Protein backbone atom coordinates (compact mmCIF):
# COMPACT_ATOMS: atom_id res chain seq x y z
CA MET A 1 27.21 59.39 35.89
CA ILE A 2 23.71 58.92 35.36
CA SER A 3 22.56 57.06 32.82
CA ILE A 4 19.38 55.63 30.88
CA SER A 5 18.04 52.06 31.32
CA GLU A 6 17.89 50.64 27.72
CA LEU A 7 15.28 48.25 29.75
CA THR A 8 12.99 50.61 31.07
CA GLY A 9 14.16 53.95 29.84
CA GLU A 10 14.31 54.66 33.38
CA ALA A 11 17.03 56.82 35.31
CA TYR A 12 19.96 55.77 37.25
CA ASP A 13 23.54 56.11 38.82
CA ASP A 14 26.38 53.97 37.84
CA GLU A 15 28.12 54.39 41.37
CA ASN A 16 25.29 52.60 43.21
CA MET A 17 25.16 49.91 40.41
CA VAL A 18 27.13 46.57 39.50
CA HIS A 19 27.92 45.62 36.26
CA PHE A 20 28.14 41.94 35.58
CA LYS A 21 29.18 39.94 32.56
CA ASN A 22 28.84 36.70 34.32
CA TYR A 23 25.57 35.16 32.63
CA VAL A 24 25.25 32.37 35.04
CA GLN A 25 25.72 34.41 38.05
CA SER A 26 23.29 37.05 36.58
CA ALA A 27 20.42 34.29 36.26
CA HIS A 28 20.62 33.51 39.97
CA TYR A 29 20.70 36.64 40.95
CA VAL A 30 16.86 37.33 38.79
CA ALA A 31 15.43 34.14 40.33
CA TRP A 32 16.73 35.51 43.58
CA GLY A 33 14.45 38.48 43.60
CA ALA A 34 17.25 40.66 42.24
CA ARG A 35 15.72 43.59 39.88
CA LEU A 36 18.00 43.59 36.42
CA ILE A 37 18.22 47.29 36.12
CA ASP A 38 19.89 47.46 32.53
CA LEU A 39 21.75 45.60 30.20
CA TYR A 40 23.46 46.17 27.83
CA VAL A 41 25.78 44.76 24.83
CA THR A 42 29.69 45.83 24.88
CA SER A 43 31.70 46.92 21.75
CA ASP A 44 33.13 43.45 22.25
CA MET A 45 29.52 41.41 22.10
CA LYS A 46 29.47 40.29 25.54
CA PHE A 47 26.35 41.37 27.39
CA VAL A 48 26.20 43.58 30.58
CA TYR A 49 23.66 42.82 33.42
CA VAL A 50 23.40 45.49 35.68
CA PHE A 51 21.94 45.59 39.37
CA SER A 52 21.55 46.94 42.43
CA LYS A 53 24.35 47.24 44.62
CA GLU A 54 21.89 46.32 47.50
CA ASP A 55 20.61 43.35 45.58
CA HIS A 56 24.44 42.49 44.90
CA GLN A 57 24.96 42.97 48.94
CA ARG A 58 21.92 40.34 49.64
CA LEU A 59 23.12 37.90 46.80
CA LYS A 60 26.72 38.06 46.64
CA TYR A 61 27.24 35.14 49.80
CA LYS A 62 24.16 32.98 48.46
CA TRP A 63 26.18 33.00 44.89
CA ILE A 64 29.46 32.34 46.84
CA ASN A 65 27.97 29.46 48.57
CA LYS A 66 26.36 27.97 45.66
CA ASN A 67 29.98 28.60 43.98
CA ASN A 68 31.98 26.66 46.82
CA GLU A 69 28.93 23.81 47.05
CA TYR A 70 29.42 23.27 43.85
CA HIS A 71 32.82 22.71 43.12
CA ALA A 72 32.64 20.60 46.28
CA GLN A 73 30.60 18.00 44.85
CA LYS A 74 32.25 18.18 41.55
CA ASN A 75 35.98 17.53 43.52
CA SER A 76 34.12 14.86 45.71
CA GLY A 77 32.47 12.65 42.44
CA ASP A 78 29.41 13.21 43.47
């Protein structure tokens, strides 16, 4: 399905995108160089952040490693 970005007005194919409600992960993706394709609000008033699957593939393991490091530090009492 083709959607129009509420941010840029550009068309994008939903099949090539990932949609996140996790604002912390989304903020990290942007800080790590991912392009935010779209941002919209759901009926239950949650933001949804849209990124390309290409950016997601590139950054998902960085995010997983960051989370694992955080939980390891938290559990070690540091």
